């Protein structure tokens, strides 16, 4: 089994700090079958990074090439000079460019998409456009309706830029804010957390992302009232539903049974309109399944590897 290879692709549009050309990083897991045409593109959630998909990639590697992308400002991708660009529209534009580059170089590729939370919203936007639509789409605990309580919970910690004396403290912190991921062994928490950490210039341990990715949440917090923020979120739901309804590819929806971001009502509606997503729920898990547990990995593999 091969190890993942880190690659960088230059994208047009918003610049890196100092006005430099900006690069987006991807981890590529080569397929064990050199002639395989099957690719699976994976994109993480808001504060996460590409190595979240290591366990899934290892399961898929005998059958497909897996490419896991760091969104702008995360992991090994460049940060943005203009923090107002940290939104889904930028990430969609970036990855659309990558898909065009990859499909030009590999026109034979058959591409599927696995997106967790924010990565699922990016996948929805691309899947709604015939030019970029994957063959199959996996949405991990996300849909057109984003519950306010979950957004508020996430907003309480995103962008806070904590630092720690050592790795153990950092891992404990990440496990504490990620309790909704469900039960994991200490070894699993360590594997999920290590790629999230960076050594800072002062010798302390920090997180991998630009704290300014919190810009949209700060804007929400500056709303005149909680009700105004809720109304702004609701106003975007119609656009998200229209996007979802435009999707034609087979779609699998994964949901943590205790999710506070994707309600069961929304999941049921997603099964009745647009691509009529098939939903698989995981007991004892909230937002979002990490695709580490065997049943979660198997659900994705069965879907994307089906004939």
C-alpha atoms as a PDB file:
ATOM      1  CA  UNK A   1       0.000   0.000   0.000  1.00  0.00           C
ATOM      2  CA  UNK A   2       1.420   3.400  -1.044  1.00  0.00           C
ATOM      3  CA  UNK A   3       1.681   6.428   1.200  1.00  0.00           C
ATOM      4  CA  UNK A   4      -0.010   9.693   0.199  1.00  0.00           C
ATOM      5  CA  UNK A   5       1.913  12.243  -1.834  1.00  0.00           C
ATOM      6  CA  UNK A   6       1.561  15.971  -1.202  1.00  0.00           C
ATOM      7  CA  UNK A   7       1.047  18.087  -4.319  1.00  0.00           C
ATOM      8  CA  UNK A   8       0.315  21.770  -4.911  1.00  0.00           C
ATOM      9  CA  UNK A   9      -1.640  23.367  -7.748  1.00  0.00           C
ATOM     10  CA  UNK A  10      -1.748  27.094  -8.487  1.00  0.00           C
ATOM     11  CA  UNK A  11      -5.212  28.654  -8.735  1.00  0.00           C
ATOM     12  CA  UNK A  12      -6.374  31.962 -10.149  1.00  0.00           C
ATOM     13  CA  UNK A  13      -8.437  34.505  -8.253  1.00  0.00           C
ATOM     14  CA  UNK A  14      -7.730  35.631  -4.716  1.00  0.00           C
ATOM     15  CA  UNK A  15      -4.066  35.963  -3.802  1.00  0.00           C
ATOM     16  CA  UNK A  16      -1.902  34.646  -1.012  1.00  0.00           C
ATOM     17  CA  UNK A  17      -0.482  37.140   1.528  1.00  0.00           C
ATOM     18  CA  UNK A  18       1.705  39.745  -0.137  1.00  0.00           C
ATOM     19  CA  UNK A  19      -0.136  39.314  -3.433  1.00  0.00           C
ATOM     20  CA  UNK A  20       1.649  36.093  -4.320  1.00  0.00           C
ATOM     21  CA  UNK A  21       0.102  33.454  -6.574  1.00  0.00           C
ATOM     22  CA  UNK A  22      -1.892  31.053  -4.427  1.00  0.00           C
ATOM     23  CA  UNK A  23      -1.538  27.287  -4.224  1.00  0.00           C
ATOM     24  CA  UNK A  24      -4.021  24.658  -3.104  1.00  0.00           C
ATOM     25  CA  UNK A  25      -2.620  21.484  -1.544  1.00  0.00           C
ATOM     26  CA  UNK A  26      -3.866  17.943  -2.085  1.00  0.00           C
ATOM     27  CA  UNK A  27      -2.836  14.591  -0.697  1.00  0.00           C
ATOM     28  CA  UNK A  28      -2.883  11.921  -3.401  1.00  0.00           C
ATOM     29  CA  UNK A  29      -3.207   8.233  -2.585  1.00  0.00           C
ATOM     30  CA  UNK A  30      -2.181   6.355  -5.774  1.00  0.00           C
ATOM     31  CA  UNK A  31      -4.388   3.423  -6.669  1.00  0.00           C
ATOM     32  CA  UNK A  32      -2.877  -0.023  -6.240  1.00  0.00           C
ATOM     33  CA  UNK A  33      -4.120  -0.724  -9.775  1.00  0.00           C
ATOM     34  CA  UNK A  34      -1.996   1.546 -12.000  1.00  0.00           C
ATOM     35  CA  UNK A  35      -4.549   1.544 -14.818  1.00  0.00           C
ATOM     36  CA  UNK A  36      -7.570   2.398 -12.681  1.00  0.00           C
ATOM     37  CA  UNK A  37      -9.653   5.284 -14.050  1.00  0.00           C
ATOM     38  CA  UNK A  38     -11.571   5.709 -10.790  1.00  0.00           C
ATOM     39  CA  UNK A  39     -10.796   8.785  -8.675  1.00  0.00           C
ATOM     40  CA  UNK A  40     -12.407   9.766  -5.375  1.00  0.00           C
ATOM     41  CA  UNK A  41     -12.035  13.426  -4.382  1.00  0.00           C
ATOM     42  CA  UNK A  42     -12.488  14.195  -0.663  1.00  0.00           C
ATOM     43  CA  UNK A  43     -12.960  17.569   1.038  1.00  0.00           C
ATOM     44  CA  UNK A  44     -13.070  18.221   4.786  1.00  0.00           C
ATOM     45  CA  UNK A  45     -15.172  20.328   7.142  1.00  0.00           C
ATOM     46  CA  UNK A  46     -14.777  23.957   8.207  1.00  0.00           C
ATOM     47  CA  UNK A  47     -11.853  23.704  10.632  1.00  0.00           C
ATOM     48  CA  UNK A  48     -10.426  20.391   9.465  1.00  0.00           C
ATOM     49  CA  UNK A  49      -7.913  19.354   6.795  1.00  0.00           C
ATOM     50  CA  UNK A  50      -7.248  16.755   4.121  1.00  0.00           C
ATOM     51  CA  UNK A  51      -5.705  14.035   6.274  1.00  0.00           C
ATOM     52  CA  UNK A  52      -9.101  13.434   7.900  1.00  0.00           C
ATOM     53  CA  UNK A  53      -9.709  10.945   5.090  1.00  0.00           C
ATOM     54  CA  UNK A  54      -6.668   8.714   5.646  1.00  0.00           C
ATOM     55  CA  UNK A  55      -8.636   5.689   6.879  1.00  0.00           C
ATOM     56  CA  UNK A  56     -11.169   5.935   4.059  1.00  0.00           C
ATOM     57  CA  UNK A  57      -8.377   6.450   1.502  1.00  0.00           C
ATOM     58  CA  UNK A  58      -6.600   3.317   2.656  1.00  0.00           C
ATOM     59  CA  UNK A  59      -9.824   1.336   2.230  1.00  0.00           C
ATOM     60  CA  UNK A  60     -10.389   2.744  -1.261  1.00  0.00           C
ATOM     61  CA  UNK A  61      -6.780   2.586  -2.440  1.00  0.00           C
ATOM     62  CA  UNK A  62      -6.964  -0.971  -3.835  1.00  0.00           C
ATOM     63  CA  UNK A  63      -9.665   0.227  -6.224  1.00  0.00           C
ATOM     64  CA  UNK A  64      -9.318   3.994  -6.799  1.00  0.00           C
ATOM     65  CA  UNK A  65      -7.001   6.966  -6.642  1.00  0.00           C
ATOM     66  CA  UNK A  66      -7.992   9.175  -3.706  1.00  0.00           C
ATOM     67  CA  UNK A  67      -7.298  12.915  -3.735  1.00  0.00           C
ATOM     68  CA  UNK A  68      -7.956  14.748  -0.479  1.00  0.00           C
ATOM     69  CA  UNK A  69      -7.880  18.540  -0.734  1.00  0.00           C
ATOM     70  CA  UNK A  70      -6.925  21.213   1.816  1.00  0.00           C
ATOM     71  CA  UNK A  71      -9.317  24.137   1.353  1.00  0.00           C
ATOM     72  CA  UNK A  72      -7.784  27.621   1.251  1.00  0.00           C
ATOM     73  CA  UNK A  73      -6.325  28.633   4.599  1.00  0.00           C
ATOM     74  CA  UNK A  74      -6.149  25.081   5.905  1.00  0.00           C
ATOM     75  CA  UNK A  75      -3.521  22.381   6.116  1.00  0.00           C
ATOM     76  CA  UNK A  76      -0.810  22.882   3.489  1.00  0.00           C
ATOM     77  CA  UNK A  77      -2.813  25.255   1.279  1.00  0.00           C
ATOM     78  CA  UNK A  78      -1.878  28.933   1.189  1.00  0.00           C
ATOM     79  CA  UNK A  79      -3.737  31.402   3.347  1.00  0.00           C
ATOM     80  CA  UNK A  80      -5.719  34.249   1.767  1.00  0.00           C
ATOM     81  CA  UNK A  81      -4.527  37.838   1.734  1.00  0.00           C
ATOM     82  CA  UNK A  82      -8.156  38.991   1.947  1.00  0.00           C
ATOM     83  CA  UNK A  83      -9.950  37.213   4.803  1.00  0.00           C
ATOM     84  CA  UNK A  84     -13.358  38.130   3.380  1.00  0.00           C
ATOM     85  CA  UNK A  85     -12.677  35.447   0.757  1.00  0.00           C
ATOM     86  CA  UNK A  86     -13.032  32.625   3.265  1.00  0.00           C
ATOM     87  CA  UNK A  87     -16.399  31.358   2.074  1.00  0.00           C
ATOM     88  CA  UNK A  88     -17.801  28.454   0.083  1.00  0.00           C
ATOM     89  CA  UNK A  89     -17.819  30.438  -3.167  1.00  0.00           C
ATOM     90  CA  UNK A  90     -14.030  30.746  -3.068  1.00  0.00           C
ATOM     91  CA  UNK A  91     -13.541  27.063  -2.289  1.00  0.00           C
ATOM     92  CA  UNK A  92     -15.885  26.055  -5.114  1.00  0.00           C
ATOM     93  CA  UNK A  93     -14.000  28.273  -7.577  1.00  0.00           C
ATOM     94  CA  UNK A  94     -10.653  26.870  -6.434  1.00  0.00           C
ATOM     95  CA  UNK A  95     -11.670  23.243  -6.738  1.00  0.00           C
ATOM     96  CA  UNK A  96     -13.462  23.800 -10.046  1.00  0.00           C
ATOM     97  CA  UNK A  97     -10.091  24.951 -11.406  1.00  0.00           C
ATOM     98  CA  UNK A  98      -8.390  21.854 -10.011  1.00  0.00           C
ATOM     99  CA  UNK A  99     -11.013  19.580 -11.547  1.00  0.00           C
ATOM    100  CA  UNK A 100     -10.563  21.263 -14.930  1.00  0.00           C
ATOM    101  CA  UNK A 101      -6.783  20.837 -14.715  1.00  0.00           C
ATOM    102  CA  UNK A 102      -7.026  17.200 -13.658  1.00  0.00           C
ATOM    103  CA  UNK A 103      -9.663  16.291 -16.239  1.00  0.00           C
ATOM    104  CA  UNK A 104      -7.620  17.938 -18.987  1.00  0.00           C
ATOM    105  CA  UNK A 105      -4.591  15.892 -17.975  1.00  0.00           C
ATOM    106  CA  UNK A 106      -6.626  12.717 -17.357  1.00  0.00           C
ATOM    107  CA  UNK A 107      -9.724  12.795 -19.580  1.00  0.00           C
ATOM    108  CA  UNK A 108     -10.346   9.114 -18.841  1.00  0.00           C
ATOM    109  CA  UNK A 109     -10.857   9.719 -15.102  1.00  0.00           C
ATOM    110  CA  UNK A 110     -14.182   8.822 -13.491  1.00  0.00           C
ATOM    111  CA  UNK A 111     -14.548  11.088 -10.458  1.00  0.00           C
ATOM    112  CA  UNK A 112     -16.641  10.611  -7.322  1.00  0.00           C
ATOM    113  CA  UNK A 113     -16.933  13.116  -4.458  1.00  0.00           C
ATOM    114  CA  UNK A 114     -16.924  12.685  -0.674  1.00  0.00           C
ATOM    115  CA  UNK A 115     -17.511  15.867   1.307  1.00  0.00           C
ATOM    116  CA  UNK A 116     -17.823  16.310   5.059  1.00  0.00           C
ATOM    117  CA  UNK A 117     -19.907  19.270   6.244  1.00  0.00           C
ATOM    118  CA  UNK A 118     -18.371  22.267   4.397  1.00  0.00           C
ATOM    119  CA  UNK A 119     -16.856  19.811   1.917  1.00  0.00           C
ATOM    120  CA  UNK A 120     -20.366  18.550   1.254  1.00  0.00           C
ATOM    121  CA  UNK A 121     -21.629  22.063   0.501  1.00  0.00           C
ATOM    122  CA  UNK A 122     -18.757  22.496  -1.955  1.00  0.00           C
ATOM    123  CA  UNK A 123     -19.693  19.145  -3.506  1.00  0.00           C
ATOM    124  CA  UNK A 124     -23.336  20.185  -3.824  1.00  0.00           C
ATOM    125  CA  UNK A 125     -22.355  23.378  -5.654  1.00  0.00           C
ATOM    126  CA  UNK A 126     -20.142  21.477  -8.085  1.00  0.00           C
ATOM    127  CA  UNK A 127     -22.592  18.608  -8.563  1.00  0.00           C
ATOM    128  CA  UNK A 128     -25.309  21.085  -9.554  1.00  0.00           C
ATOM    129  CA  UNK A 129     -23.182  22.080 -12.591  1.00  0.00           C
ATOM    130  CA  UNK A 130     -22.950  19.503 -15.402  1.00  0.00           C
ATOM    131  CA  UNK A 131     -19.369  20.567 -16.190  1.00  0.00           C
ATOM    132  CA  UNK A 132     -18.153  19.580 -12.731  1.00  0.00           C
ATOM    133  CA  UNK A 133     -20.698  17.029 -11.562  1.00  0.00           C
ATOM    134  CA  UNK A 134     -19.138  13.866 -10.117  1.00  0.00           C
ATOM    135  CA  UNK A 135     -20.358  10.431 -11.079  1.00  0.00           C
ATOM    136  CA  UNK A 136     -21.472   9.850  -7.481  1.00  0.00           C
ATOM    137  CA  UNK A 137     -21.784  12.221  -4.548  1.00  0.00           C
ATOM    138  CA  UNK A 138     -21.404  11.508  -0.824  1.00  0.00           C
ATOM    139  CA  UNK A 139     -22.632  14.222   1.557  1.00  0.00           C
ATOM    140  CA  UNK A 140     -21.395  13.664   5.092  1.00  0.00           C
ATOM    141  CA  UNK A 141     -23.781  15.224   7.619  1.00  0.00           C
ATOM    142  CA  UNK A 142     -24.763  18.324   5.690  1.00  0.00           C
ATOM    143  CA  UNK A 143     -27.672  19.562   3.606  1.00  0.00           C
ATOM    144  CA  UNK A 144     -29.432  22.726   2.443  1.00  0.00           C
ATOM    145  CA  UNK A 145     -30.604  23.609   5.970  1.00  0.00           C
ATOM    146  CA  UNK A 146     -27.873  24.377   8.526  1.00  0.00           C
ATOM    147  CA  UNK A 147     -29.218  24.408  12.058  1.00  0.00           C
ATOM    148  CA  UNK A 148     -28.576  27.601  14.009  1.00  0.00           C
ATOM    149  CA  UNK A 149     -27.606  25.838  17.239  1.00  0.00           C
ATOM    150  CA  UNK A 150     -24.799  23.991  15.480  1.00  0.00           C
ATOM    151  CA  UNK A 151     -23.511  27.103  13.709  1.00  0.00           C
ATOM    152  CA  UNK A 152     -23.473  28.922  17.044  1.00  0.00           C
ATOM    153  CA  UNK A 153     -21.595  26.034  18.693  1.00  0.00           C
ATOM    154  CA  UNK A 154     -18.977  25.989  15.931  1.00  0.00           C
ATOM    155  CA  UNK A 155     -18.687  29.773  16.043  1.00  0.00           C
ATOM    156  CA  UNK A 156     -17.765  29.573  19.719  1.00  0.00           C
ATOM    157  CA  UNK A 157     -14.399  27.968  18.924  1.00  0.00           C
ATOM    158  CA  UNK A 158     -13.491  28.573  15.276  1.00  0.00           C
ATOM    159  CA  UNK A 159     -10.746  31.150  14.808  1.00  0.00           C
ATOM    160  CA  UNK A 160      -9.850  31.387  18.502  1.00  0.00           C
ATOM    161  CA  UNK A 161      -6.205  30.522  17.687  1.00  0.00           C
ATOM    162  CA  UNK A 162      -5.291  28.633  20.877  1.00  0.00           C
ATOM    163  CA  UNK A 163      -1.756  27.460  21.590  1.00  0.00           C
ATOM    164  CA  UNK A 164      -0.479  24.656  23.789  1.00  0.00           C
ATOM    165  CA  UNK A 165       2.629  23.610  25.671  1.00  0.00           C
ATOM    166  CA  UNK A 166       2.777  20.250  23.922  1.00  0.00           C
ATOM    167  CA  UNK A 167       1.027  17.813  21.599  1.00  0.00           C
ATOM    168  CA  UNK A 168      -0.829  16.036  24.395  1.00  0.00           C
ATOM    169  CA  UNK A 169      -2.528  19.260  25.474  1.00  0.00           C
ATOM    170  CA  UNK A 170      -3.454  20.065  21.875  1.00  0.00           C
ATOM    171  CA  UNK A 171      -4.903  16.611  21.231  1.00  0.00           C
ATOM    172  CA  UNK A 172      -6.962  16.817  24.431  1.00  0.00           C
ATOM    173  CA  UNK A 173      -8.319  20.206  23.344  1.00  0.00           C
ATOM    174  CA  UNK A 174      -9.261  18.975  19.867  1.00  0.00           C
ATOM    175  CA  UNK A 175     -10.959  15.908  21.341  1.00  0.00           C
ATOM    176  CA  UNK A 176     -12.948  18.144  23.698  1.00  0.00           C
ATOM    177  CA  UNK A 177     -14.344  20.390  20.938  1.00  0.00           C
ATOM    178  CA  UNK A 178     -14.924  17.348  18.713  1.00  0.00           C
ATOM    179  CA  UNK A 179     -16.878  15.216  21.174  1.00  0.00           C
ATOM    180  CA  UNK A 180     -19.813  15.153  18.743  1.00  0.00           C
ATOM    181  CA  UNK A 181     -17.686  13.066  16.374  1.00  0.00           C
ATOM    182  CA  UNK A 182     -18.608  10.077  18.521  1.00  0.00           C
ATOM    183  CA  UNK A 183     -16.483   7.557  20.409  1.00  0.00           C
ATOM    184  CA  UNK A 184     -12.880   7.066  19.303  1.00  0.00           C
ATOM    185  CA  UNK A 185      -9.890   5.339  20.826  1.00  0.00           C
ATOM    186  CA  UNK A 186      -6.936   7.434  22.053  1.00  0.00           C
ATOM    187  CA  UNK A 187      -5.008   6.208  19.013  1.00  0.00           C
ATOM    188  CA  UNK A 188      -7.771   7.382  16.680  1.00  0.00           C
ATOM    189  CA  UNK A 189      -7.932  10.821  18.337  1.00  0.00           C
ATOM    190  CA  UNK A 190      -4.165  11.126  17.957  1.00  0.00           C
ATOM    191  CA  UNK A 191      -4.310  10.187  14.260  1.00  0.00           C
ATOM    192  CA  UNK A 192      -7.142  12.668  13.657  1.00  0.00           C
ATOM    193  CA  UNK A 193      -5.390  15.421  15.608  1.00  0.00           C
ATOM    194  CA  UNK A 194      -1.720  15.294  14.604  1.00  0.00           C
ATOM    195  CA  UNK A 195      -2.263  16.715  11.085  1.00  0.00           C
ATOM    196  CA  UNK A 196      -4.187  19.576  12.730  1.00  0.00           C
ATOM    197  CA  UNK A 197      -1.109  20.796  14.637  1.00  0.00           C
ATOM    198  CA  UNK A 198       1.788  23.087  13.733  1.00  0.00           C
ATOM    199  CA  UNK A 199       4.884  24.126  15.662  1.00  0.00           C
ATOM    200  CA  UNK A 200       4.771  27.890  16.164  1.00  0.00           C
ATOM    201  CA  UNK A 201       7.732  30.251  16.055  1.00  0.00           C
ATOM    202  CA  UNK A 202       7.531  30.670  19.837  1.00  0.00           C
ATOM    203  CA  UNK A 203       7.911  26.916  20.318  1.00  0.00           C
ATOM    204  CA  UNK A 204       4.306  26.322  21.329  1.00  0.00           C
ATOM    205  CA  UNK A 205       1.904  24.072  19.452  1.00  0.00           C
ATOM    206  CA  UNK A 206      -0.829  25.740  17.396  1.00  0.00           C
ATOM    207  CA  UNK A 207      -3.506  24.781  14.894  1.00  0.00           C
ATOM    208  CA  UNK A 208      -3.029  24.335  11.173  1.00  0.00           C
ATOM    209  CA  UNK A 209      -5.446  26.948   9.859  1.00  0.00           C
ATOM    210  CA  UNK A 210      -5.580  30.695   9.371  1.00  0.00           C
ATOM    211  CA  UNK A 211      -7.633  32.033  12.327  1.00  0.00           C
ATOM    212  CA  UNK A 212      -9.309  34.386   9.859  1.00  0.00           C
ATOM    213  CA  UNK A 213     -11.367  31.510   8.437  1.00  0.00           C
ATOM    214  CA  UNK A 214     -13.755  32.617  11.194  1.00  0.00           C
ATOM    215  CA  UNK A 215     -14.555  35.778   9.212  1.00  0.00           C
ATOM    216  CA  UNK A 216     -18.086  34.613   8.147  1.00  0.00           C
ATOM    217  CA  UNK A 217     -18.921  33.707  11.751  1.00  0.00           C
ATOM    218  CA  UNK A 218     -17.666  37.065  12.989  1.00  0.00           C
ATOM    219  CA  UNK A 219     -19.908  38.754  10.431  1.00  0.00           C
ATOM    220  CA  UNK A 220     -22.823  36.678  11.709  1.00  0.00           C
ATOM    221  CA  UNK A 221     -21.999  37.692  15.274  1.00  0.00           C
ATOM    222  CA  UNK A 222     -22.025  41.357  14.246  1.00  0.00           C
ATOM    223  CA  UNK A 223     -25.616  41.038  13.054  1.00  0.00           C
ATOM    224  CA  UNK A 224     -28.002  43.411  14.799  1.00  0.00           C
ATOM    225  CA  UNK A 225     -29.573  40.527  16.680  1.00  0.00           C
ATOM    226  CA  UNK A 226     -29.703  36.760  16.820  1.00  0.00           C
ATOM    227  CA  UNK A 227     -32.949  36.946  14.904  1.00  0.00           C
ATOM    228  CA  UNK A 228     -31.249  38.941  12.145  1.00  0.00           C
ATOM    229  CA  UNK A 229     -28.519  36.307  11.929  1.00  0.00           C
ATOM    230  CA  UNK A 230     -31.120  33.549  11.758  1.00  0.00           C
ATOM    231  CA  UNK A 231     -32.954  35.392   8.975  1.00  0.00           C
ATOM    232  CA  UNK A 232     -29.744  35.770   6.989  1.00  0.00           C
ATOM    233  CA  UNK A 233     -29.103  32.040   7.281  1.00  0.00           C
ATOM    234  CA  UNK A 234     -32.679  31.214   6.301  1.00  0.00           C
ATOM    235  CA  UNK A 235     -32.397  33.468   3.261  1.00  0.00           C
ATOM    236  CA  UNK A 236     -29.619  31.250   1.942  1.00  0.00           C
ATOM    237  CA  UNK A 237     -31.629  28.054   2.343  1.00  0.00           C
ATOM    238  CA  UNK A 238     -33.703  28.645  -0.800  1.00  0.00           C
ATOM    239  CA  UNK A 239     -30.511  28.929  -2.863  1.00  0.00           C
ATOM    240  CA  UNK A 240     -29.096  25.781  -1.292  1.00  0.00           C
ATOM    241  CA  UNK A 241     -32.303  23.847  -1.965  1.00  0.00           C
ATOM    242  CA  UNK A 242     -32.269  25.033  -5.586  1.00  0.00           C
ATOM    243  CA  UNK A 243     -28.685  23.834  -5.835  1.00  0.00           C
ATOM    244  CA  UNK A 244     -29.589  20.467  -4.307  1.00  0.00           C
ATOM    245  CA  UNK A 245     -32.604  20.072  -6.598  1.00  0.00           C
ATOM    246  CA  UNK A 246     -30.335  20.578  -9.637  1.00  0.00           C
ATOM    247  CA  UNK A 247     -28.164  17.576  -8.711  1.00  0.00           C
ATOM    248  CA  UNK A 248     -28.742  14.546 -10.921  1.00  0.00           C
ATOM    249  CA  UNK A 249     -25.997  12.130  -9.883  1.00  0.00           C
ATOM    250  CA  UNK A 250     -26.660   9.317  -7.382  1.00  0.00           C
ATOM    251  CA  UNK A 251     -26.245  10.751  -3.888  1.00  0.00           C
ATOM    252  CA  UNK A 252     -25.528   9.129  -0.526  1.00  0.00           C
ATOM    253  CA  UNK A 253     -26.281  11.129   2.616  1.00  0.00           C
ATOM    254  CA  UNK A 254     -24.497  10.167   5.823  1.00  0.00           C
ATOM    255  CA  UNK A 255     -25.920  11.452   9.094  1.00  0.00           C
ATOM    256  CA  UNK A 256     -24.886  11.228  12.708  1.00  0.00           C
ATOM    257  CA  UNK A 257     -28.067  10.225  14.498  1.00  0.00           C
ATOM    258  CA  UNK A 258     -27.366  12.934  17.106  1.00  0.00           C
ATOM    259  CA  UNK A 259     -26.306  15.607  14.600  1.00  0.00           C
ATOM    260  CA  UNK A 260     -27.113  19.191  15.534  1.00  0.00           C
ATOM    261  CA  UNK A 261     -26.283  20.507  12.042  1.00  0.00           C
ATOM    262  CA  UNK A 262     -28.324  18.186   9.813  1.00  0.00           C
ATOM    263  CA  UNK A 263     -31.772  17.516  11.256  1.00  0.00           C
ATOM    264  CA  UNK A 264     -33.647  14.311  10.553  1.00  0.00           C
ATOM    265  CA  UNK A 265     -36.411  16.422   8.963  1.00  0.00           C
ATOM    266  CA  UNK A 266     -33.926  17.910   6.478  1.00  0.00           C
ATOM    267  CA  UNK A 267     -32.412  14.492   5.777  1.00  0.00           C
ATOM    268  CA  UNK A 268     -35.861  13.074   5.048  1.00  0.00           C
ATOM    269  CA  UNK A 269     -36.623  15.970   2.687  1.00  0.00           C
ATOM    270  CA  UNK A 270     -33.341  15.334   0.865  1.00  0.00           C
ATOM    271  CA  UNK A 271     -34.534  11.800   0.226  1.00  0.00           C
ATOM    272  CA  UNK A 272     -37.704  13.052  -1.423  1.00  0.00           C
ATOM    273  CA  UNK A 273     -36.453  15.732  -3.803  1.00  0.00           C
ATOM    274  CA  UNK A 274     -33.545  16.502  -6.126  1.00  0.00           C
ATOM    275  CA  UNK A 275     -31.338  13.415  -6.431  1.00  0.00           C
ATOM    276  CA  UNK A 276     -33.430  11.631  -3.752  1.00  0.00           C
ATOM    277  CA  UNK A 277     -30.445  10.925  -1.565  1.00  0.00           C
ATOM    278  CA  UNK A 278     -30.250   7.601   0.233  1.00  0.00           C
ATOM    279  CA  UNK A 279     -29.570   8.257   3.903  1.00  0.00           C
ATOM    280  CA  UNK A 280     -27.476   6.118   6.255  1.00  0.00           C
ATOM    281  CA  UNK A 281     -27.515   7.062   9.944  1.00  0.00           C
ATOM    282  CA  UNK A 282     -24.913   6.177  12.560  1.00  0.00           C
ATOM    283  CA  UNK A 283     -26.014   5.785  16.166  1.00  0.00           C
ATOM    284  CA  UNK A 284     -24.030   7.480  18.922  1.00  0.00           C
ATOM    285  CA  UNK A 285     -22.551  10.048  16.512  1.00  0.00           C
ATOM    286  CA  UNK A 286     -23.332  13.744  16.130  1.00  0.00           C
ATOM    287  CA  UNK A 287     -21.772  16.201  13.714  1.00  0.00           C
ATOM    288  CA  UNK A 288     -19.969  14.764  11.904  1.00  0.00           C
ATOM    289  CA  UNK A 289     -19.046  11.110  11.307  1.00  0.00           C
ATOM    290  CA  UNK A 290     -15.255  10.946  10.912  1.00  0.00           C
ATOM    291  CA  UNK A 291     -15.248   8.067   8.414  1.00  0.00           C
ATOM    292  CA  UNK A 292     -12.912   6.167  10.703  1.00  0.00           C
ATOM    293  CA  UNK A 293     -15.306   3.573  12.178  1.00  0.00           C
ATOM    294  CA  UNK A 294     -15.600   0.431  10.021  1.00  0.00           C
ATOM    295  CA  UNK A 295     -19.353   0.828   9.426  1.00  0.00           C
ATOM    296  CA  UNK A 296     -18.893   4.411   8.228  1.00  0.00           C
ATOM    297  CA  UNK A 297     -16.036   3.471   5.903  1.00  0.00           C
ATOM    298  CA  UNK A 298     -17.989   0.507   4.558  1.00  0.00           C
ATOM    299  CA  UNK A 299     -21.023   2.667   3.752  1.00  0.00           C
ATOM    300  CA  UNK A 300     -18.909   4.954   1.575  1.00  0.00           C
ATOM    301  CA  UNK A 301     -16.978   2.125  -0.063  1.00  0.00           C
ATOM    302  CA  UNK A 302     -20.142   0.194  -0.913  1.00  0.00           C
ATOM    303  CA  UNK A 303     -21.577   3.288  -2.588  1.00  0.00           C
ATOM    304  CA  UNK A 304     -18.612   4.562  -4.604  1.00  0.00           C
ATOM    305  CA  UNK A 305     -17.318   1.105  -5.551  1.00  0.00           C
ATOM    306  CA  UNK A 306     -20.672  -0.262  -6.696  1.00  0.00           C
ATOM    307  CA  UNK A 307     -20.760  -1.151 -10.426  1.00  0.00           C
END
